[in-house]
Amino acid sequence: MDKTPFNGYDFFAYLSSGAILLATADYVMGFGLLTKEKIGWIFAVFLVIIAYVCGHIVAHFSSLFLEHLAVGRVLKRPNELLLGAAPRRGLKWIFPNYYLALPQTTIHRVNKQLESRGITKATATGEGKFLHAYALVTAEKERQKRLDAFRNQYGFARNMCLAFGVAAIAIVTAHFVGCQPVRIRWALIAAGISLTLFYRYLKFFRQYSYELFLRYAELPPG
């Protein structure tokens, strides 16, 4: 076989986030795997498989909690904000870059493109406009690759954000009720990394839609 079943996204978005959960479980439960000098190759393969499975679980819940709830229902999606939707009150100063809209000239060009293809504010939501633009823009492979790069980056940041958040909660819980001694400073470090990765997730999630609408605005009129 000249192709493996794994790609770069599998490693960075799934295996890495799953590995964080395994390392956290090892630390709070005192298994001692992290301190072993050698482990058998069969057990090593088993750990990789478990990490990969855990990574998929993390991806599922990070999509639910961060993308659909935190972004979709609280912050608003980039495909709405970039086209001029009003930001949530009280949140713009916390996420100033996330709430930046496209330049008015670009918004005008996007709307003209939409109108030329029979799509108006009354007939499509922000998500509907995004999906329409996506189908046209990704007809060219180079544009598809560029969008995929942003998707992989925001997927990685989203998954790792949740993984480190879970790690912080697990360490705090183990500190107060666990049977193994753990240091609370690791929970603080994990929480800080999780918060930083949440901002990175928002950056690349916004950039994904930003790049799409930018390319869509410059397509030949329909």
N, C-alpha and C. Protein backbone atom coordinates (compact mmCIF):
# COMPACT_ATOMS: atom_id res chain seq x y z
N MET A 1 0.85 -1.20 0.00
CA MET A 1 0.00 0.00 0.00
C MET A 1 0.88 1.25 0.00
N ASP A 2 0.55 2.21 -0.86
CA ASP A 2 1.35 3.42 -0.94
C ASP A 2 0.74 4.58 -0.18
N LYS A 3 -0.38 4.31 0.49
CA LYS A 3 -1.01 5.36 1.28
C LYS A 3 -1.35 4.82 2.66
N THR A 4 -1.19 5.66 3.68
CA THR A 4 -1.56 5.26 5.03
C THR A 4 -2.97 5.77 5.32
N PRO A 5 -3.66 5.16 6.28
CA PRO A 5 -5.01 5.62 6.60
C PRO A 5 -5.02 6.91 7.40
N PHE A 6 -3.84 7.42 7.78
CA PHE A 6 -3.75 8.63 8.57
C PHE A 6 -3.16 9.77 7.75
N ASN A 7 -3.61 10.99 8.04
CA ASN A 7 -3.01 12.16 7.43
C ASN A 7 -2.56 13.12 8.52
N GLY A 8 -2.06 14.28 8.12
CA GLY A 8 -1.57 15.23 9.10
C GLY A 8 -2.64 15.67 10.08
N TYR A 9 -3.86 15.84 9.60
CA TYR A 9 -4.94 16.27 10.50
C TYR A 9 -5.24 15.20 11.54
N ASP A 10 -5.18 13.91 11.14
CA ASP A 10 -5.41 12.84 12.09
C ASP A 10 -4.42 12.94 13.26
N PHE A 11 -3.16 13.20 12.92
CA PHE A 11 -2.14 13.27 13.98
C PHE A 11 -2.34 14.47 14.87
N PHE A 12 -2.43 15.65 14.26
CA PHE A 12 -2.46 16.87 15.06
C PHE A 12 -3.80 17.09 15.76
N ALA A 13 -4.91 16.75 15.12
CA ALA A 13 -6.21 17.06 15.71
C ALA A 13 -6.76 15.93 16.57
N TYR A 14 -6.43 14.70 16.25
CA TYR A 14 -6.98 13.56 16.97
C TYR A 14 -5.98 12.94 17.95
N LEU A 15 -4.84 12.51 17.44
CA LEU A 15 -3.87 11.84 18.30
C LEU A 15 -3.35 12.77 19.40
N SER A 16 -3.08 14.02 19.06
CA SER A 16 -2.51 14.94 20.05
C SER A 16 -3.50 15.24 21.17
N SER A 17 -4.77 15.50 20.81
CA SER A 17 -5.76 15.79 21.85
C SER A 17 -6.05 14.54 22.68
N GLY A 18 -6.09 13.37 22.02
CA GLY A 18 -6.28 12.13 22.76
C GLY A 18 -5.12 11.85 23.70
N ALA A 19 -3.90 12.18 23.26
CA ALA A 19 -2.71 11.97 24.09
C ALA A 19 -2.76 12.84 25.35
N ILE A 20 -3.32 14.05 25.24
CA ILE A 20 -3.45 14.92 26.41
C ILE A 20 -4.37 14.27 27.44
N LEU A 21 -5.46 13.68 26.97
CA LEU A 21 -6.37 13.01 27.91
C LEU A 21 -5.71 11.80 28.57
N LEU A 22 -4.97 11.01 27.78
CA LEU A 22 -4.29 9.85 28.36
C LEU A 22 -3.24 10.27 29.38
N ALA A 23 -2.48 11.31 29.04
CA ALA A 23 -1.45 11.79 29.97
C ALA A 23 -2.09 12.32 31.26
N THR A 24 -3.22 12.99 31.13
CA THR A 24 -3.92 13.50 32.31
C THR A 24 -4.43 12.35 33.18
N ALA A 25 -5.03 11.35 32.53
CA ALA A 25 -5.51 10.19 33.27
C ALA A 25 -4.38 9.48 33.99
N ASP A 26 -3.24 9.35 33.32
CA ASP A 26 -2.07 8.72 33.94
C ASP A 26 -1.60 9.51 35.15
N TYR A 27 -1.64 10.84 35.04
CA TYR A 27 -1.15 11.70 36.13
C TYR A 27 -2.08 11.67 37.34
N VAL A 28 -3.38 11.84 37.10
CA VAL A 28 -4.31 11.94 38.24
C VAL A 28 -4.60 10.58 38.88
N MET A 29 -4.44 9.50 38.13
CA MET A 29 -4.71 8.17 38.67
C MET A 29 -3.45 7.44 39.13
N GLY A 30 -2.29 8.01 38.82
CA GLY A 30 -1.04 7.44 39.31
C GLY A 30 -0.64 6.13 38.68
N PHE A 31 -0.93 5.94 37.39
CA PHE A 31 -0.53 4.70 36.71
C PHE A 31 0.98 4.62 36.51
N GLY A 32 1.62 5.78 36.37
CA GLY A 32 3.07 5.80 36.21
C GLY A 32 3.59 5.51 34.82
N LEU A 33 2.72 5.56 33.82
CA LEU A 33 3.17 5.29 32.45
C LEU A 33 4.15 6.33 31.95
N LEU A 34 3.95 7.58 32.38
CA LEU A 34 4.81 8.66 31.90
C LEU A 34 6.23 8.56 32.45
N THR A 35 6.41 7.83 33.52
CA THR A 35 7.74 7.74 34.14
C THR A 35 8.47 6.46 33.77
N LYS A 36 7.83 5.59 33.02
CA LYS A 36 8.48 4.34 32.62
C LYS A 36 9.54 4.60 31.55
N GLU A 37 10.67 3.94 31.69
CA GLU A 37 11.74 4.10 30.72
C GLU A 37 11.44 3.36 29.41
N LYS A 38 10.81 2.19 29.52
CA LYS A 38 10.51 1.40 28.34
C LYS A 38 9.12 0.78 28.47
N ILE A 39 8.43 0.67 27.32
CA ILE A 39 7.17 -0.07 27.27
C ILE A 39 7.19 -0.95 26.03
N GLY A 40 6.50 -2.05 26.08
CA GLY A 40 6.47 -2.97 24.95
C GLY A 40 5.81 -2.34 23.73
N TRP A 41 6.22 -2.80 22.54
CA TRP A 41 5.69 -2.20 21.32
C TRP A 41 4.21 -2.50 21.15
N ILE A 42 3.76 -3.66 21.64
CA ILE A 42 2.32 -3.97 21.54
C ILE A 42 1.51 -3.00 22.39
N PHE A 43 2.02 -2.75 23.60
CA PHE A 43 1.32 -1.81 24.47
C PHE A 43 1.40 -0.39 23.90
N ALA A 44 2.52 -0.05 23.26
CA ALA A 44 2.67 1.27 22.64
C ALA A 44 1.64 1.46 21.52
N VAL A 45 1.46 0.43 20.70
CA VAL A 45 0.45 0.48 19.63
C VAL A 45 -0.94 0.63 20.23
N PHE A 46 -1.18 -0.09 21.32
CA PHE A 46 -2.48 0.00 22.00
C PHE A 46 -2.73 1.42 22.49
N LEU A 47 -1.70 2.06 23.06
CA LEU A 47 -1.85 3.43 23.55
C LEU A 47 -2.14 4.40 22.41
N VAL A 48 -1.50 4.20 21.26
CA VAL A 48 -1.75 5.06 20.10
C VAL A 48 -3.20 4.91 19.64
N ILE A 49 -3.69 3.68 19.62
CA ILE A 49 -5.08 3.44 19.20
C ILE A 49 -6.05 4.10 20.18
N ILE A 50 -5.78 3.94 21.48
CA ILE A 50 -6.64 4.55 22.49
C ILE A 50 -6.61 6.07 22.37
N ALA A 51 -5.42 6.63 22.15
CA ALA A 51 -5.31 8.08 21.99
C ALA A 51 -6.09 8.56 20.78
N TYR A 52 -6.03 7.81 19.70
CA TYR A 52 -6.75 8.18 18.48
C TYR A 52 -8.26 8.15 18.71
N VAL A 53 -8.74 7.11 19.41
CA VAL A 53 -10.17 7.01 19.73
C VAL A 53 -10.59 8.16 20.64
N CYS A 54 -9.78 8.42 21.67
CA CYS A 54 -10.07 9.54 22.57
C CYS A 54 -10.10 10.86 21.82
N GLY A 55 -9.22 10.99 20.83
CA GLY A 55 -9.19 12.20 20.02
C GLY A 55 -10.49 12.41 19.26
N HIS A 56 -11.07 11.34 18.74
CA HIS A 56 -12.36 11.45 18.06
C HIS A 56 -13.46 11.85 19.03
N ILE A 57 -13.40 11.31 20.24
CA ILE A 57 -14.39 11.69 21.26
C ILE A 57 -14.26 13.17 21.60
N VAL A 58 -13.01 13.62 21.76
CA VAL A 58 -12.77 15.04 22.03
C VAL A 58 -13.31 15.90 20.89
N ALA A 59 -13.07 15.48 19.64
CA ALA A 59 -13.55 16.24 18.48
C ALA A 59 -15.06 16.36 18.48
N HIS A 60 -15.74 15.28 18.85
CA HIS A 60 -17.21 15.31 18.89
C HIS A 60 -17.71 16.33 19.89
N PHE A 61 -17.16 16.27 21.11
CA PHE A 61 -17.65 17.17 22.15
C PHE A 61 -17.14 18.60 21.98
N SER A 62 -15.97 18.76 21.40
CA SER A 62 -15.49 20.13 21.15
C SER A 62 -16.36 20.80 20.09
N SER A 63 -16.80 20.02 19.10
CA SER A 63 -17.72 20.56 18.10
C SER A 63 -19.05 20.96 18.74
N LEU A 64 -19.54 20.11 19.65
CA LEU A 64 -20.81 20.39 20.31
C LEU A 64 -20.72 21.61 21.22
N PHE A 65 -19.75 21.61 22.13
CA PHE A 65 -19.69 22.66 23.15
C PHE A 65 -19.09 23.97 22.64
N LEU A 66 -18.02 23.88 21.85
CA LEU A 66 -17.34 25.10 21.43
C LEU A 66 -17.92 25.69 20.15
N GLU A 67 -18.19 24.82 19.16
CA GLU A 67 -18.66 25.34 17.87
C GLU A 67 -20.15 25.62 17.85
N HIS A 68 -20.95 24.66 18.31
CA HIS A 68 -22.40 24.81 18.21
C HIS A 68 -23.00 25.63 19.36
N LEU A 69 -22.45 25.49 20.54
CA LEU A 69 -23.00 26.22 21.69
C LEU A 69 -22.29 27.55 21.92
N ALA A 70 -20.97 27.49 22.21
CA ALA A 70 -20.24 28.71 22.54
C ALA A 70 -20.23 29.70 21.38
N VAL A 71 -19.94 29.22 20.17
CA VAL A 71 -19.88 30.10 19.01
C VAL A 71 -21.26 30.28 18.38
N GLY A 72 -21.92 29.18 18.09
CA GLY A 72 -23.19 29.25 17.37
C GLY A 72 -24.29 29.99 18.12
N ARG A 73 -24.38 29.80 19.44
CA ARG A 73 -25.48 30.39 20.19
C ARG A 73 -25.10 31.59 21.05
N VAL A 74 -23.82 31.71 21.38
CA VAL A 74 -23.40 32.82 22.25
C VAL A 74 -22.67 33.91 21.46
N LEU A 75 -21.59 33.57 20.82
CA LEU A 75 -20.77 34.58 20.14
C LEU A 75 -21.31 34.98 18.76
N LYS A 76 -22.04 34.12 18.11
CA LYS A 76 -22.48 34.22 16.71
C LYS A 76 -21.40 33.70 15.78
N ARG A 77 -21.82 33.14 14.66
CA ARG A 77 -20.89 32.55 13.70
C ARG A 77 -20.21 33.61 12.84
N PRO A 78 -18.98 33.34 12.41
CA PRO A 78 -18.26 34.30 11.56
C PRO A 78 -18.98 34.60 10.25
N ASN A 79 -19.69 33.62 9.67
CA ASN A 79 -20.36 33.88 8.40
C ASN A 79 -21.48 34.92 8.53
N GLU A 80 -21.92 35.20 9.74
CA GLU A 80 -22.88 36.28 9.98
C GLU A 80 -22.16 37.59 10.29
N LEU A 81 -21.18 37.50 11.19
CA LEU A 81 -20.48 38.70 11.65
C LEU A 81 -19.68 39.37 10.53
N LEU A 82 -19.06 38.58 9.67
CA LEU A 82 -18.26 39.15 8.59
C LEU A 82 -19.10 39.95 7.60
N LEU A 83 -20.37 39.60 7.49
CA LEU A 83 -21.25 40.30 6.55
C LEU A 83 -22.05 41.40 7.23
N GLY A 84 -21.64 41.77 8.45
CA GLY A 84 -22.21 42.95 9.08
C GLY A 84 -23.22 42.72 10.18
N ALA A 85 -23.42 41.49 10.64
CA ALA A 85 -24.36 41.23 11.73
C ALA A 85 -23.86 41.91 13.00
N ALA A 86 -24.80 42.38 13.82
CA ALA A 86 -24.44 43.09 15.05
C ALA A 86 -23.81 42.12 16.05
N PRO A 87 -22.72 42.50 16.70
CA PRO A 87 -22.07 41.63 17.69
C PRO A 87 -22.89 41.54 18.97
N ARG A 88 -22.62 40.52 19.77
CA ARG A 88 -23.27 40.39 21.06
C ARG A 88 -22.81 41.50 22.00
N ARG A 89 -23.73 42.06 22.72
CA ARG A 89 -23.39 43.13 23.66
C ARG A 89 -22.49 42.59 24.77
N GLY A 90 -21.50 43.37 25.11
CA GLY A 90 -20.62 43.01 26.21
C GLY A 90 -19.51 42.05 25.84
N LEU A 91 -19.54 41.48 24.63
CA LEU A 91 -18.52 40.52 24.24
C LEU A 91 -17.50 41.09 23.25
N LYS A 92 -17.86 42.18 22.60
CA LYS A 92 -16.98 42.73 21.57
C LYS A 92 -15.62 43.14 22.14
N TRP A 93 -15.61 43.65 23.35
CA TRP A 93 -14.33 44.08 23.93
C TRP A 93 -13.48 42.89 24.39
N ILE A 94 -14.12 41.72 24.63
CA ILE A 94 -13.38 40.52 25.00
C ILE A 94 -12.78 39.84 23.77
N PHE A 95 -13.54 39.87 22.66
CA PHE A 95 -13.10 39.24 21.41
C PHE A 95 -13.12 40.28 20.28
N PRO A 96 -12.29 41.32 20.38
CA PRO A 96 -12.38 42.42 19.41
C PRO A 96 -12.12 42.01 17.97
N ASN A 97 -11.12 41.19 17.74
CA ASN A 97 -10.80 40.78 16.36
C ASN A 97 -11.85 39.85 15.77
N TYR A 98 -12.45 39.04 16.62
CA TYR A 98 -13.46 38.10 16.14
C TYR A 98 -14.68 38.83 15.59
N TYR A 99 -14.97 39.99 16.15
CA TYR A 99 -16.18 40.72 15.76
C TYR A 99 -15.94 41.74 14.65
N LEU A 100 -14.77 41.74 14.07
CA LEU A 100 -14.51 42.64 12.95
C LEU A 100 -15.21 42.15 11.70
N ALA A 101 -15.96 43.03 11.05
CA ALA A 101 -16.64 42.67 9.80
C ALA A 101 -15.70 42.89 8.62
N LEU A 102 -16.06 42.35 7.49
CA LEU A 102 -15.32 42.62 6.26
C LEU A 102 -15.43 44.10 5.92
N PRO A 103 -14.50 44.65 5.15
CA PRO A 103 -14.64 46.04 4.69
C PRO A 103 -15.96 46.21 3.93
N GLN A 104 -16.53 47.39 4.02
CA GLN A 104 -17.83 47.64 3.39
C GLN A 104 -17.81 47.37 1.89
N THR A 105 -16.70 47.68 1.24
CA THR A 105 -16.63 47.42 -0.21
C THR A 105 -16.69 45.93 -0.51
N THR A 106 -16.06 45.13 0.34
CA THR A 106 -16.09 43.68 0.14
C THR A 106 -17.47 43.12 0.43
N ILE A 107 -18.11 43.63 1.50
CA ILE A 107 -19.48 43.21 1.80
C ILE A 107 -20.41 43.53 0.63
N HIS A 108 -20.22 44.71 0.05
CA HIS A 108 -21.04 45.11 -1.10
C HIS A 108 -20.83 44.16 -2.27
N ARG A 109 -19.58 43.77 -2.52
CA ARG A 109 -19.29 42.86 -3.62
C ARG A 109 -19.87 41.46 -3.36
N VAL A 110 -19.80 41.03 -2.11
CA VAL A 110 -20.39 39.73 -1.77
C VAL A 110 -21.90 39.77 -1.99
N ASN A 111 -22.55 40.84 -1.53
CA ASN A 111 -24.00 40.96 -1.71
C ASN A 111 -24.39 41.03 -3.18
N LYS A 112 -23.58 41.70 -3.97
CA LYS A 112 -23.85 41.77 -5.41
C LYS A 112 -23.76 40.37 -6.04
N GLN A 113 -22.76 39.62 -5.62
CA GLN A 113 -22.61 38.25 -6.11
C GLN A 113 -23.83 37.41 -5.73
N LEU A 114 -24.27 37.56 -4.49
CA LEU A 114 -25.43 36.81 -4.03
C LEU A 114 -26.69 37.18 -4.82
N GLU A 115 -26.89 38.48 -5.02
CA GLU A 115 -28.06 38.94 -5.76
C GLU A 115 -28.04 38.46 -7.20
N SER A 116 -26.86 38.42 -7.81
CA SER A 116 -26.76 37.97 -9.20
C SER A 116 -27.11 36.50 -9.35
N ARG A 117 -27.07 35.78 -8.23
CA ARG A 117 -27.41 34.36 -8.24
C ARG A 117 -28.74 34.07 -7.56
N GLY A 118 -29.53 35.14 -7.37
CA GLY A 118 -30.88 34.99 -6.83
C GLY A 118 -30.97 34.75 -5.36
N ILE A 119 -29.94 35.14 -4.60
CA ILE A 119 -29.94 34.93 -3.16
C ILE A 119 -30.01 36.28 -2.46
N THR A 120 -31.00 36.46 -1.61
CA THR A 120 -31.19 37.72 -0.89
C THR A 120 -31.23 37.46 0.61
N LYS A 121 -31.30 38.54 1.38
CA LYS A 121 -31.38 38.41 2.84
C LYS A 121 -32.63 37.65 3.25
N ALA A 122 -33.68 37.78 2.46
CA ALA A 122 -34.95 37.13 2.80
C ALA A 122 -34.92 35.63 2.50
N THR A 123 -34.02 35.19 1.65
CA THR A 123 -34.03 33.78 1.22
C THR A 123 -32.88 32.96 1.79
N ALA A 124 -31.93 33.59 2.47
CA ALA A 124 -30.79 32.82 2.97
C ALA A 124 -30.25 33.39 4.27
N THR A 125 -29.88 32.50 5.18
CA THR A 125 -29.22 32.89 6.43
C THR A 125 -27.71 33.02 6.17
N GLY A 126 -26.99 33.39 7.21
CA GLY A 126 -25.54 33.45 7.07
C GLY A 126 -24.94 32.11 6.70
N GLU A 127 -25.48 31.04 7.29
CA GLU A 127 -24.98 29.70 6.97
C GLU A 127 -25.34 29.32 5.55
N GLY A 128 -26.53 29.71 5.10
CA GLY A 128 -26.94 29.42 3.73
C GLY A 128 -26.05 30.12 2.72
N LYS A 129 -25.70 31.37 3.00
CA LYS A 129 -24.80 32.12 2.12
C LYS A 129 -23.42 31.48 2.10
N PHE A 130 -22.97 31.03 3.27
CA PHE A 130 -21.66 30.39 3.37
C PHE A 130 -21.62 29.12 2.52
N LEU A 131 -22.64 28.28 2.64
CA LEU A 131 -22.66 27.02 1.89
C LEU A 131 -22.74 27.26 0.39
N HIS A 132 -23.51 28.27 0.01
CA HIS A 132 -23.61 28.63 -1.41
C HIS A 132 -22.24 29.08 -1.94
N ALA A 133 -21.58 29.96 -1.19
CA ALA A 133 -20.28 30.46 -1.61
C ALA A 133 -19.24 29.35 -1.61
N TYR A 134 -19.33 28.45 -0.64
CA TYR A 134 -18.37 27.36 -0.53
C TYR A 134 -18.40 26.47 -1.77
N ALA A 135 -19.59 26.15 -2.24
CA ALA A 135 -19.72 25.27 -3.40
C ALA A 135 -19.08 25.87 -4.64
N LEU A 136 -19.15 27.19 -4.77
CA LEU A 136 -18.58 27.85 -5.95
C LEU A 136 -17.07 28.05 -5.82
N VAL A 137 -16.65 28.50 -4.65
CA VAL A 137 -15.23 28.80 -4.44
C VAL A 137 -14.37 27.54 -4.51
N THR A 138 -14.84 26.45 -3.93
CA THR A 138 -14.03 25.23 -3.87
C THR A 138 -14.05 24.42 -5.16
N ALA A 139 -14.68 24.96 -6.21
CA ALA A 139 -14.61 24.30 -7.51
C ALA A 139 -13.17 24.28 -8.02
N GLU A 140 -12.36 25.22 -7.52
CA GLU A 140 -10.94 25.27 -7.88
C GLU A 140 -10.14 24.61 -6.75
N LYS A 141 -9.29 23.64 -7.08
CA LYS A 141 -8.60 22.84 -6.09
C LYS A 141 -7.67 23.65 -5.19
N GLU A 142 -7.01 24.65 -5.75
CA GLU A 142 -6.09 25.45 -4.94
C GLU A 142 -6.84 26.22 -3.86
N ARG A 143 -8.02 26.71 -4.18
CA ARG A 143 -8.83 27.38 -3.17
C ARG A 143 -9.30 26.41 -2.11
N GLN A 144 -9.65 25.20 -2.55
CA GLN A 144 -10.07 24.16 -1.62
C GLN A 144 -8.94 23.83 -0.64
N LYS A 145 -7.72 23.72 -1.14
CA LYS A 145 -6.58 23.40 -0.28
C LYS A 145 -6.35 24.49 0.76
N ARG A 146 -6.48 25.74 0.34
CA ARG A 146 -6.26 26.85 1.27
C ARG A 146 -7.32 26.85 2.37
N LEU A 147 -8.56 26.61 1.99
CA LEU A 147 -9.63 26.54 2.99
C LEU A 147 -9.43 25.35 3.92
N ASP A 148 -8.99 24.23 3.36
CA ASP A 148 -8.74 23.05 4.18
C ASP A 148 -7.66 23.32 5.22
N ALA A 149 -6.68 24.12 4.85
CA ALA A 149 -5.61 24.45 5.80
C ALA A 149 -6.17 25.21 7.00
N PHE A 150 -7.05 26.18 6.75
CA PHE A 150 -7.67 26.93 7.86
C PHE A 150 -8.59 26.02 8.67
N ARG A 151 -9.32 25.13 8.00
CA ARG A 151 -10.19 24.19 8.71
C ARG A 151 -9.39 23.28 9.63
N ASN A 152 -8.27 22.79 9.15
CA ASN A 152 -7.43 21.92 9.97
C ASN A 152 -6.87 22.67 11.17
N GLN A 153 -6.51 23.93 10.96
CA GLN A 153 -5.94 24.72 12.05
C GLN A 153 -6.99 25.01 13.12
N TYR A 154 -8.20 25.39 12.69
CA TYR A 154 -9.20 25.67 13.72
C TYR A 154 -9.69 24.38 14.38
N GLY A 155 -9.70 23.27 13.64
CA GLY A 155 -10.08 22.00 14.24
C GLY A 155 -9.07 21.55 15.28
N PHE A 156 -7.80 21.71 14.98
CA PHE A 156 -6.75 21.36 15.94
C PHE A 156 -6.86 22.22 17.20
N ALA A 157 -6.98 23.53 17.02
CA ALA A 157 -7.06 24.44 18.17
C ALA A 157 -8.31 24.16 19.00
N ARG A 158 -9.43 23.89 18.34
CA ARG A 158 -10.69 23.60 19.05
C ARG A 158 -10.56 22.33 19.88
N ASN A 159 -10.03 21.26 19.28
CA ASN A 159 -9.90 19.99 19.99
C ASN A 159 -8.93 20.08 21.16
N MET A 160 -7.80 20.74 20.93
CA MET A 160 -6.82 20.86 22.01
C MET A 160 -7.31 21.78 23.11
N CYS A 161 -8.10 22.77 22.77
CA CYS A 161 -8.70 23.66 23.77
C CYS A 161 -9.54 22.85 24.75
N LEU A 162 -10.41 21.99 24.20
CA LEU A 162 -11.25 21.18 25.08
C LEU A 162 -10.42 20.17 25.86
N ALA A 163 -9.43 19.55 25.22
CA ALA A 163 -8.60 18.55 25.90
C ALA A 163 -7.88 19.16 27.11
N PHE A 164 -7.29 20.34 26.93
CA PHE A 164 -6.60 20.99 28.05
C PHE A 164 -7.60 21.48 29.10
N GLY A 165 -8.80 21.89 28.66
CA GLY A 165 -9.82 22.29 29.62
C GLY A 165 -10.25 21.12 30.50
N VAL A 166 -10.46 19.96 29.88
CA VAL A 166 -10.81 18.75 30.63
C VAL A 166 -9.66 18.38 31.57
N ALA A 167 -8.42 18.52 31.09
CA ALA A 167 -7.25 18.21 31.93
C ALA A 167 -7.23 19.10 33.18
N ALA A 168 -7.51 20.38 33.00
CA ALA A 168 -7.51 21.31 34.13
C ALA A 168 -8.57 20.92 35.15
N ILE A 169 -9.77 20.59 34.67
CA ILE A 169 -10.86 20.19 35.58
C ILE A 169 -10.51 18.89 36.29
N ALA A 170 -9.93 17.94 35.57
CA ALA A 170 -9.58 16.65 36.16
C ALA A 170 -8.52 16.81 37.25
N ILE A 171 -7.53 17.66 37.00
CA ILE A 171 -6.46 17.85 37.99
C ILE A 171 -6.98 18.56 39.23
N VAL A 172 -7.85 19.57 39.04
CA VAL A 172 -8.44 20.25 40.20
C VAL A 172 -9.28 19.28 41.02
N THR A 173 -10.08 18.47 40.32
CA THR A 173 -10.90 17.48 41.02
C THR A 173 -10.04 16.49 41.79
N ALA A 174 -8.98 16.00 41.14
CA ALA A 174 -8.08 15.04 41.80
C ALA A 174 -7.36 15.67 42.99
N HIS A 175 -7.09 16.96 42.90
CA HIS A 175 -6.40 17.65 44.01
C HIS A 175 -7.23 17.62 45.28
N PHE A 176 -8.54 17.74 45.13
CA PHE A 176 -9.40 17.82 46.32
C PHE A 176 -10.01 16.48 46.72
N VAL A 177 -10.29 15.61 45.77
CA VAL A 177 -10.98 14.36 46.12
C VAL A 177 -10.23 13.12 45.66
N GLY A 178 -9.12 13.27 44.93
CA GLY A 178 -8.40 12.11 44.42
C GLY A 178 -7.54 11.45 45.47
N CYS A 179 -7.13 10.22 45.18
CA CYS A 179 -6.28 9.48 46.12
C CYS A 179 -4.80 9.64 45.81
N GLN A 180 -4.49 10.29 44.68
CA GLN A 180 -3.10 10.52 44.29
C GLN A 180 -2.75 12.01 44.45
N PRO A 181 -1.56 12.31 44.98
CA PRO A 181 -1.17 13.72 45.12
C PRO A 181 -0.88 14.35 43.74
N VAL A 182 -1.52 15.46 43.47
CA VAL A 182 -1.28 16.19 42.22
C VAL A 182 -1.05 17.65 42.57
N ARG A 183 -0.38 18.35 41.68
CA ARG A 183 -0.06 19.76 41.91
C ARG A 183 -1.04 20.64 41.15
N ILE A 184 -1.62 21.57 41.88
CA ILE A 184 -2.65 22.44 41.30
C ILE A 184 -2.08 23.35 40.21
N ARG A 185 -0.78 23.58 40.24
CA ARG A 185 -0.19 24.46 39.24
C ARG A 185 -0.34 23.89 37.83
N TRP A 186 -0.38 22.56 37.72
CA TRP A 186 -0.57 21.97 36.40
C TRP A 186 -1.98 22.25 35.87
N ALA A 187 -2.93 22.36 36.78
CA ALA A 187 -4.29 22.72 36.37
C ALA A 187 -4.32 24.17 35.87
N LEU A 188 -3.60 25.05 36.54
CA LEU A 188 -3.55 26.45 36.12
C LEU A 188 -2.88 26.58 34.75
N ILE A 189 -1.82 25.83 34.55
CA ILE A 189 -1.13 25.87 33.25
C ILE A 189 -2.05 25.33 32.16
N ALA A 190 -2.74 24.22 32.44
CA ALA A 190 -3.65 23.64 31.45
C ALA A 190 -4.79 24.60 31.13
N ALA A 191 -5.32 25.28 32.15
CA ALA A 191 -6.41 26.24 31.92
C ALA A 191 -5.93 27.41 31.08
N GLY A 192 -4.72 27.88 31.34
CA GLY A 192 -4.17 28.98 30.55
C GLY A 192 -3.97 28.59 29.09
N ILE A 193 -3.47 27.37 28.87
CA ILE A 193 -3.29 26.89 27.50
C ILE A 193 -4.64 26.74 26.81
N SER A 194 -5.64 26.23 27.54
CA SER A 194 -6.98 26.05 26.98
C SER A 194 -7.57 27.39 26.55
N LEU A 195 -7.43 28.41 27.39
CA LEU A 195 -7.96 29.73 27.05
C LEU A 195 -7.26 30.31 25.83
N THR A 196 -5.93 30.16 25.78
CA THR A 196 -5.17 30.65 24.63
C THR A 196 -5.59 29.95 23.35
N LEU A 197 -5.79 28.65 23.42
CA LEU A 197 -6.20 27.88 22.25
C LEU A 197 -7.62 28.23 21.82
N PHE A 198 -8.47 28.66 22.77
CA PHE A 198 -9.81 29.09 22.39
C PHE A 198 -9.74 30.34 21.51
N TYR A 199 -8.86 31.26 21.87
CA TYR A 199 -8.67 32.45 21.04
C TYR A 199 -8.09 32.07 19.67
N ARG A 200 -7.18 31.11 19.66
CA ARG A 200 -6.63 30.65 18.38
C ARG A 200 -7.71 29.98 17.53
N TYR A 201 -8.57 29.22 18.18
CA TYR A 201 -9.68 28.59 17.47
C TYR A 201 -10.58 29.65 16.82
N LEU A 202 -10.91 30.69 17.58
CA LEU A 202 -11.75 31.75 17.03
C LEU A 202 -11.06 32.46 15.86
N LYS A 203 -9.75 32.66 15.97
CA LYS A 203 -9.00 33.32 14.90
C LYS A 203 -9.10 32.52 13.60
N PHE A 204 -8.81 31.23 13.66
CA PHE A 204 -8.80 30.43 12.44
C PHE A 204 -10.21 30.10 11.95
N PHE A 205 -11.16 30.00 12.87
CA PHE A 205 -12.55 29.77 12.47
C PHE A 205 -13.08 30.98 11.70
N ARG A 206 -12.74 32.17 12.19
CA ARG A 206 -13.12 33.39 11.48
C ARG A 206 -12.39 33.49 10.14
N GLN A 207 -11.10 33.15 10.15
CA GLN A 207 -10.30 33.26 8.93
C GLN A 207 -10.81 32.32 7.84
N TYR A 208 -11.37 31.21 8.23
CA TYR A 208 -11.94 30.25 7.29
C TYR A 208 -13.06 30.90 6.48
N SER A 209 -14.00 31.55 7.17
CA SER A 209 -15.09 32.24 6.47
C SER A 209 -14.59 33.50 5.77
N TYR A 210 -13.63 34.18 6.39
CA TYR A 210 -13.06 35.39 5.79
C TYR A 210 -12.46 35.08 4.42
N GLU A 211 -11.67 34.03 4.37
CA GLU A 211 -11.03 33.63 3.11
C GLU A 211 -12.09 33.23 2.08
N LEU A 212 -13.10 32.52 2.52
CA LEU A 212 -14.15 32.08 1.60
C LEU A 212 -14.87 33.26 0.97
N PHE A 213 -15.33 34.20 1.78
CA PHE A 213 -16.08 35.34 1.26
C PHE A 213 -15.19 36.25 0.42
N LEU A 214 -13.92 36.34 0.78
CA LEU A 214 -12.99 37.16 0.01
C LEU A 214 -12.85 36.61 -1.41
N ARG A 215 -12.70 35.30 -1.52
CA ARG A 215 -12.60 34.67 -2.84
C ARG A 215 -13.92 34.73 -3.59
N TYR A 216 -15.01 34.57 -2.88
CA TYR A 216 -16.33 34.61 -3.50
C TYR A 216 -16.63 35.98 -4.09
N ALA A 217 -16.20 37.02 -3.39
CA ALA A 217 -16.46 38.39 -3.87
C ALA A 217 -15.81 38.67 -5.21
N GLU A 218 -14.72 37.96 -5.53
CA GLU A 218 -13.98 38.23 -6.76
C GLU A 218 -14.31 37.25 -7.88
N LEU A 219 -15.30 36.38 -7.66
CA LEU A 219 -15.72 35.48 -8.75
C LEU A 219 -16.41 36.27 -9.86
N PRO A 220 -16.40 35.74 -11.07
CA PRO A 220 -17.16 36.39 -12.14
C PRO A 220 -18.64 36.41 -11.78
N PRO A 221 -19.37 37.48 -12.12
CA PRO A 221 -20.79 37.57 -11.77
C PRO A 221 -21.57 36.39 -12.34
N GLY A 222 -22.58 35.95 -11.59
CA GLY A 222 -23.38 34.80 -12.01
C GLY A 222 -24.38 35.15 -13.10
